[in-house]
């Protein structure tokens, strides 16, 4: 595994962790309904997988 590949994997991991922490903090301090919480969690998951797919496509183009 190359050094830039490891950096990309670490970047994806830390972006995902940061998004989860921000989402939990937002949900804790805001008074919103349960339905809206589920929608926000789904948006976070979709954006995380989108980032993962985009970085995978960039890696495939380089190879």
PDB file of N, CA and C in Angstrom:
ATOM      1  N   UNK A   1       0.852  -1.181   0.000  1.00  0.00           N
ATOM      2  CA  UNK A   1       0.000   0.000   0.000  1.00  0.00           C
ATOM      3  C   UNK A   1       0.894   1.239   0.000  1.00  0.00           C
ATOM      4  N   UNK A   2       0.653   2.143  -0.942  1.00  0.00           N
ATOM      5  CA  UNK A   2       1.505   3.321  -1.050  1.00  0.00           C
ATOM      6  C   UNK A   2       1.168   4.338   0.038  1.00  0.00           C
ATOM      7  N   UNK A   3       2.088   5.274   0.202  1.00  0.00           N
ATOM      8  CA  UNK A   3       1.943   6.291   1.243  1.00  0.00           C
ATOM      9  C   UNK A   3       0.732   7.192   0.983  1.00  0.00           C
ATOM     10  N   UNK A   4       0.510   7.585  -0.270  1.00  0.00           N
ATOM     11  CA  UNK A   4      -0.633   8.450  -0.579  1.00  0.00           C
ATOM     12  C   UNK A   4      -1.954   7.704  -0.389  1.00  0.00           C
ATOM     13  N   UNK A   5      -1.957   6.409  -0.636  1.00  0.00           N
ATOM     14  CA  UNK A   5      -3.150   5.597  -0.417  1.00  0.00           C
ATOM     15  C   UNK A   5      -3.494   5.534   1.070  1.00  0.00           C
ATOM     16  N   UNK A   6      -2.474   5.398   1.908  1.00  0.00           N
ATOM     17  CA  UNK A   6      -2.694   5.380   3.356  1.00  0.00           C
ATOM     18  C   UNK A   6      -3.229   6.727   3.830  1.00  0.00           C
ATOM     19  N   UNK A   7      -2.690   7.816   3.256  1.00  0.00           N
ATOM     20  CA  UNK A   7      -3.154   9.146   3.636  1.00  0.00           C
ATOM     21  C   UNK A   7      -4.624   9.326   3.259  1.00  0.00           C
ATOM     22  N   UNK A   8      -5.024   8.838   2.080  1.00  0.00           N
ATOM     23  CA  UNK A   8      -6.419   8.938   1.658  1.00  0.00           C
ATOM     24  C   UNK A   8      -7.333   8.136   2.574  1.00  0.00           C
ATOM     25  N   UNK A   9      -6.893   6.942   2.958  1.00  0.00           N
ATOM     26  CA  UNK A   9      -7.705   6.129   3.863  1.00  0.00           C
ATOM     27  C   UNK A   9      -7.848   6.806   5.217  1.00  0.00           C
ATOM     28  N   UNK A  10      -6.755   7.397   5.720  1.00  0.00           N
ATOM     29  CA  UNK A  10      -6.822   8.109   6.990  1.00  0.00           C
ATOM     30  C   UNK A  10      -7.730   9.327   6.877  1.00  0.00           C
ATOM     31  N   UNK A  11      -7.665  10.024   5.766  1.00  0.00           N
ATOM     32  CA  UNK A  11      -8.505  11.198   5.556  1.00  0.00           C
ATOM     33  C   UNK A  11      -9.981  10.816   5.581  1.00  0.00           C
ATOM     34  N   UNK A  12     -10.342   9.757   4.896  1.00  0.00           N
ATOM     35  CA  UNK A  12     -11.731   9.299   4.876  1.00  0.00           C
ATOM     36  C   UNK A  12     -12.187   8.919   6.283  1.00  0.00           C
ATOM     37  N   UNK A  13     -11.312   8.230   7.015  1.00  0.00           N
ATOM     38  CA  UNK A  13     -11.662   7.820   8.376  1.00  0.00           C
ATOM     39  C   UNK A  13     -11.919   9.033   9.263  1.00  0.00           C
ATOM     40  N   UNK A  14     -11.020  10.014   9.237  1.00  0.00           N
ATOM     41  CA  UNK A  14     -11.174  11.172  10.113  1.00  0.00           C
ATOM     42  C   UNK A  14     -12.344  12.068   9.691  1.00  0.00           C
ATOM     43  N   UNK A  15     -12.628  12.147   8.411  1.00  0.00           N
ATOM     44  CA  UNK A  15     -13.813  12.886   7.964  1.00  0.00           C
ATOM     45  C   UNK A  15     -15.076  12.204   8.487  1.00  0.00           C
ATOM     46  N   UNK A  16     -15.121  10.893   8.403  1.00  0.00           N
ATOM     47  CA  UNK A  16     -16.276  10.152   8.912  1.00  0.00           C
ATOM     48  C   UNK A  16     -16.457  10.317  10.411  1.00  0.00           C
ATOM     49  N   UNK A  17     -15.361  10.234  11.161  1.00  0.00           N
ATOM     50  CA  UNK A  17     -15.438  10.410  12.612  1.00  0.00           C
ATOM     51  C   UNK A  17     -15.888  11.825  12.957  1.00  0.00           C
ATOM     52  N   UNK A  18     -15.337  12.807  12.254  1.00  0.00           N
ATOM     53  CA  UNK A  18     -15.723  14.196  12.502  1.00  0.00           C
ATOM     54  C   UNK A  18     -17.192  14.444  12.216  1.00  0.00           C
ATOM     55  N   UNK A  19     -17.688  13.856  11.131  1.00  0.00           N
ATOM     56  CA  UNK A  19     -19.104  14.029  10.796  1.00  0.00           C
ATOM     57  C   UNK A  19     -19.998  13.413  11.860  1.00  0.00           C
ATOM     58  N   UNK A  20     -19.622  12.253  12.358  1.00  0.00           N
ATOM     59  CA  UNK A  20     -20.425  11.604  13.392  1.00  0.00           C
ATOM     60  C   UNK A  20     -20.422  12.423  14.677  1.00  0.00           C
ATOM     61  N   UNK A  21     -19.262  12.938  15.071  1.00  0.00           N
ATOM     62  CA  UNK A  21     -19.175  13.758  16.287  1.00  0.00           C
ATOM     63  C   UNK A  21     -20.007  15.022  16.139  1.00  0.00           C
ATOM     64  N   UNK A  22     -19.908  15.690  14.994  1.00  0.00           N
ATOM     65  CA  UNK A  22     -20.708  16.895  14.777  1.00  0.00           C
ATOM     66  C   UNK A  22     -22.201  16.589  14.782  1.00  0.00           C
ATOM     67  N   UNK A  23     -22.577  15.489  14.182  1.00  0.00           N
ATOM     68  CA  UNK A  23     -23.987  15.107  14.145  1.00  0.00           C
ATOM     69  C   UNK A  23     -24.513  14.811  15.548  1.00  0.00           C
ATOM     70  N   UNK A  24     -23.734  14.077  16.340  1.00  0.00           N
ATOM     71  CA  UNK A  24     -24.167  13.778  17.709  1.00  0.00           C
ATOM     72  C   UNK A  24     -24.272  15.053  18.537  1.00  0.00           C
ATOM     73  N   UNK A  25     -23.299  15.957  18.392  1.00  0.00           N
ATOM     74  CA  UNK A  25     -23.358  17.223  19.131  1.00  0.00           C
ATOM     75  C   UNK A  25     -24.567  18.046  18.704  1.00  0.00           C
ATOM     76  N   UNK A  26     -24.843  18.079  17.410  1.00  0.00           N
ATOM     77  CA  UNK A  26     -25.997  18.825  16.911  1.00  0.00           C
ATOM     78  C   UNK A  26     -27.294  18.245  17.455  1.00  0.00           C
ATOM     79  N   UNK A  27     -27.405  16.937  17.449  1.00  0.00           N
ATOM     80  CA  UNK A  27     -28.630  16.295  17.927  1.00  0.00           C
ATOM     81  C   UNK A  27     -28.799  16.459  19.439  1.00  0.00           C
ATOM     82  N   UNK A  28     -27.699  16.509  20.160  1.00  0.00           N
ATOM     83  CA  UNK A  28     -27.785  16.647  21.608  1.00  0.00           C
ATOM     84  C   UNK A  28     -28.280  18.031  22.015  1.00  0.00           C
ATOM     85  N   UNK A  29     -27.811  19.059  21.324  1.00  0.00           N
ATOM     86  CA  UNK A  29     -28.122  20.423  21.729  1.00  0.00           C
ATOM     87  C   UNK A  29     -29.321  21.027  21.009  1.00  0.00           C
ATOM     88  N   UNK A  30     -29.869  20.325  20.047  1.00  0.00           N
ATOM     89  CA  UNK A  30     -31.047  20.842  19.354  1.00  0.00           C
ATOM     90  C   UNK A  30     -32.269  20.043  19.781  1.00  0.00           C
ATOM     91  N   UNK A  31     -33.382  20.710  19.774  1.00  0.00           N
ATOM     92  CA  UNK A  31     -34.627  20.051  20.160  1.00  0.00           C
ATOM     93  C   UNK A  31     -35.459  19.827  18.908  1.00  0.00           C
ATOM     94  N   UNK A  32     -35.188  18.700  18.252  1.00  0.00           N
ATOM     95  CA  UNK A  32     -35.899  18.374  17.029  1.00  0.00           C
ATOM     96  C   UNK A  32     -36.584  17.025  17.212  1.00  0.00           C
ATOM     97  N   UNK A  33     -37.499  16.736  16.315  1.00  0.00           N
ATOM     98  CA  UNK A  33     -38.266  15.491  16.424  1.00  0.00           C
ATOM     99  C   UNK A  33     -37.403  14.289  16.040  1.00  0.00           C
ATOM    100  N   UNK A  34     -37.876  13.129  16.418  1.00  0.00           N
ATOM    101  CA  UNK A  34     -37.163  11.893  16.118  1.00  0.00           C
ATOM    102  C   UNK A  34     -37.043  11.629  14.631  1.00  0.00           C
ATOM    103  N   UNK A  35     -38.063  12.013  13.893  1.00  0.00           N
ATOM    104  CA  UNK A  35     -38.025  11.817  12.436  1.00  0.00           C
ATOM    105  C   UNK A  35     -36.905  12.639  11.805  1.00  0.00           C
ATOM    106  N   UNK A  36     -36.756  13.864  12.284  1.00  0.00           N
ATOM    107  CA  UNK A  36     -35.703  14.725  11.741  1.00  0.00           C
ATOM    108  C   UNK A  36     -34.318  14.179  12.105  1.00  0.00           C
ATOM    109  N   UNK A  37     -34.185  13.563  13.285  1.00  0.00           N
ATOM    110  CA  UNK A  37     -32.905  12.960  13.666  1.00  0.00           C
ATOM    111  C   UNK A  37     -32.527  11.849  12.698  1.00  0.00           C
ATOM    112  N   UNK A  38     -33.494  11.027  12.344  1.00  0.00           N
ATOM    113  CA  UNK A  38     -33.236   9.925  11.416  1.00  0.00           C
ATOM    114  C   UNK A  38     -32.816  10.470  10.052  1.00  0.00           C
ATOM    115  N   UNK A  39     -33.485  11.522   9.599  1.00  0.00           N
ATOM    116  CA  UNK A  39     -33.141  12.131   8.304  1.00  0.00           C
ATOM    117  C   UNK A  39     -31.712  12.668   8.335  1.00  0.00           C
ATOM    118  N   UNK A  40     -31.329  13.335   9.416  1.00  0.00           N
ATOM    119  CA  UNK A  40     -29.970  13.877   9.516  1.00  0.00           C
ATOM    120  C   UNK A  40     -28.922  12.771   9.556  1.00  0.00           C
ATOM    121  N   UNK A  41     -29.229  11.685  10.242  1.00  0.00           N
ATOM    122  CA  UNK A  41     -28.289  10.559  10.278  1.00  0.00           C
ATOM    123  C   UNK A  41     -28.140   9.943   8.886  1.00  0.00           C
ATOM    124  N   UNK A  42     -29.236   9.804   8.168  1.00  0.00           N
ATOM    125  CA  UNK A  42     -29.163   9.258   6.808  1.00  0.00           C
ATOM    126  C   UNK A  42     -28.378  10.176   5.879  1.00  0.00           C
ATOM    127  N   UNK A  43     -28.552  11.488   6.022  1.00  0.00           N
ATOM    128  CA  UNK A  43     -27.785  12.440   5.209  1.00  0.00           C
ATOM    129  C   UNK A  43     -26.294  12.285   5.500  1.00  0.00           C
ATOM    130  N   UNK A  44     -25.943  12.120   6.771  1.00  0.00           N
ATOM    131  CA  UNK A  44     -24.538  11.919   7.134  1.00  0.00           C
ATOM    132  C   UNK A  44     -23.965  10.649   6.532  1.00  0.00           C
ATOM    133  N   UNK A  45     -24.725   9.570   6.576  1.00  0.00           N
ATOM    134  CA  UNK A  45     -24.251   8.310   5.997  1.00  0.00           C
ATOM    135  C   UNK A  45     -24.096   8.404   4.483  1.00  0.00           C
ATOM    136  N   UNK A  46     -25.063   9.029   3.834  1.00  0.00           N
ATOM    137  CA  UNK A  46     -24.990   9.178   2.374  1.00  0.00           C
ATOM    138  C   UNK A  46     -23.777  10.014   1.986  1.00  0.00           C
ATOM    139  N   UNK A  47     -23.525  11.099   2.712  1.00  0.00           N
ATOM    140  CA  UNK A  47     -22.373  11.942   2.374  1.00  0.00           C
ATOM    141  C   UNK A  47     -21.063  11.200   2.630  1.00  0.00           C
ATOM    142  N   UNK A  48     -20.998  10.383   3.677  1.00  0.00           N
ATOM    143  CA  UNK A  48     -19.786   9.612   3.942  1.00  0.00           C
ATOM    144  C   UNK A  48     -19.522   8.616   2.822  1.00  0.00           C
ATOM    145  N   UNK A  49     -20.549   7.895   2.390  1.00  0.00           N
ATOM    146  CA  UNK A  49     -20.359   6.936   1.302  1.00  0.00           C
ATOM    147  C   UNK A  49     -20.051   7.637  -0.014  1.00  0.00           C
ATOM    148  N   UNK A  50     -20.608   8.832  -0.214  1.00  0.00           N
ATOM    149  CA  UNK A  50     -20.287   9.588  -1.425  1.00  0.00           C
ATOM    150  C   UNK A  50     -18.814   9.963  -1.445  1.00  0.00           C
ATOM    151  N   UNK A  51     -18.298  10.425  -0.324  1.00  0.00           N
ATOM    152  CA  UNK A  51     -16.870  10.763  -0.239  1.00  0.00           C
ATOM    153  C   UNK A  51     -16.021   9.526  -0.499  1.00  0.00           C
ATOM    154  N   UNK A  52     -16.428   8.406   0.074  1.00  0.00           N
ATOM    155  CA  UNK A  52     -15.674   7.168  -0.125  1.00  0.00           C
ATOM    156  C   UNK A  52     -15.671   6.748  -1.590  1.00  0.00           C
ATOM    157  N   UNK A  53     -16.810   6.846  -2.255  1.00  0.00           N
ATOM    158  CA  UNK A  53     -16.894   6.465  -3.670  1.00  0.00           C
ATOM    159  C   UNK A  53     -16.066   7.407  -4.531  1.00  0.00           C
ATOM    160  N   UNK A  54     -16.125   8.706  -4.247  1.00  0.00           N
ATOM    161  CA  UNK A  54     -15.358   9.669  -5.040  1.00  0.00           C
ATOM    162  C   UNK A  54     -13.860   9.447  -4.899  1.00  0.00           C
ATOM    163  N   UNK A  55     -13.399   9.162  -3.691  1.00  0.00           N
ATOM    164  CA  UNK A  55     -11.964   8.915  -3.522  1.00  0.00           C
ATOM    165  C   UNK A  55     -11.553   7.603  -4.172  1.00  0.00           C
ATOM    166  N   UNK A  56     -12.436   6.619  -4.171  1.00  0.00           N
ATOM    167  CA  UNK A  56     -12.121   5.350  -4.842  1.00  0.00           C
ATOM    168  C   UNK A  56     -12.017   5.566  -6.351  1.00  0.00           C
ATOM    169  N   UNK A  57     -12.901   6.397  -6.923  1.00  0.00           N
ATOM    170  CA  UNK A  57     -12.846   6.671  -8.360  1.00  0.00           C
ATOM    171  C   UNK A  57     -11.556   7.385  -8.723  1.00  0.00           C
ATOM    172  N   UNK A  58     -11.119   8.321  -7.882  1.00  0.00           N
ATOM    173  CA  UNK A  58      -9.859   9.020  -8.150  1.00  0.00           C
ATOM    174  C   UNK A  58      -8.692   8.051  -8.106  1.00  0.00           C
ATOM    175  N   UNK A  59      -8.735   7.109  -7.157  1.00  0.00           N
ATOM    176  CA  UNK A  59      -7.650   6.136  -7.034  1.00  0.00           C
ATOM    177  C   UNK A  59      -7.625   5.228  -8.248  1.00  0.00           C
ATOM    178  N   UNK A  60      -8.807   4.840  -8.754  1.00  0.00           N
ATOM    179  CA  UNK A  60      -8.859   3.957  -9.920  1.00  0.00           C
ATOM    180  C   UNK A  60      -8.349   4.668 -11.172  1.00  0.00           C
ATOM    181  N   UNK A  61      -8.594   5.970 -11.292  1.00  0.00           N
ATOM    182  CA  UNK A  61      -8.122   6.722 -12.455  1.00  0.00           C
ATOM    183  C   UNK A  61      -6.598   6.837 -12.453  1.00  0.00           C
ATOM    184  N   UNK A  62      -5.996   6.919 -11.268  1.00  0.00           N
ATOM    185  CA  UNK A  62      -4.536   7.039 -11.164  1.00  0.00           C
ATOM    186  C   UNK A  62      -3.841   5.745 -11.532  1.00  0.00           C
ATOM    187  N   UNK A  63      -4.490   4.592 -11.312  1.00  0.00           N
ATOM    188  CA  UNK A  63      -3.851   3.308 -11.577  1.00  0.00           C
ATOM    189  C   UNK A  63      -3.933   2.915 -12.989  1.00  0.00           C
TER     190      UNK A  63
END
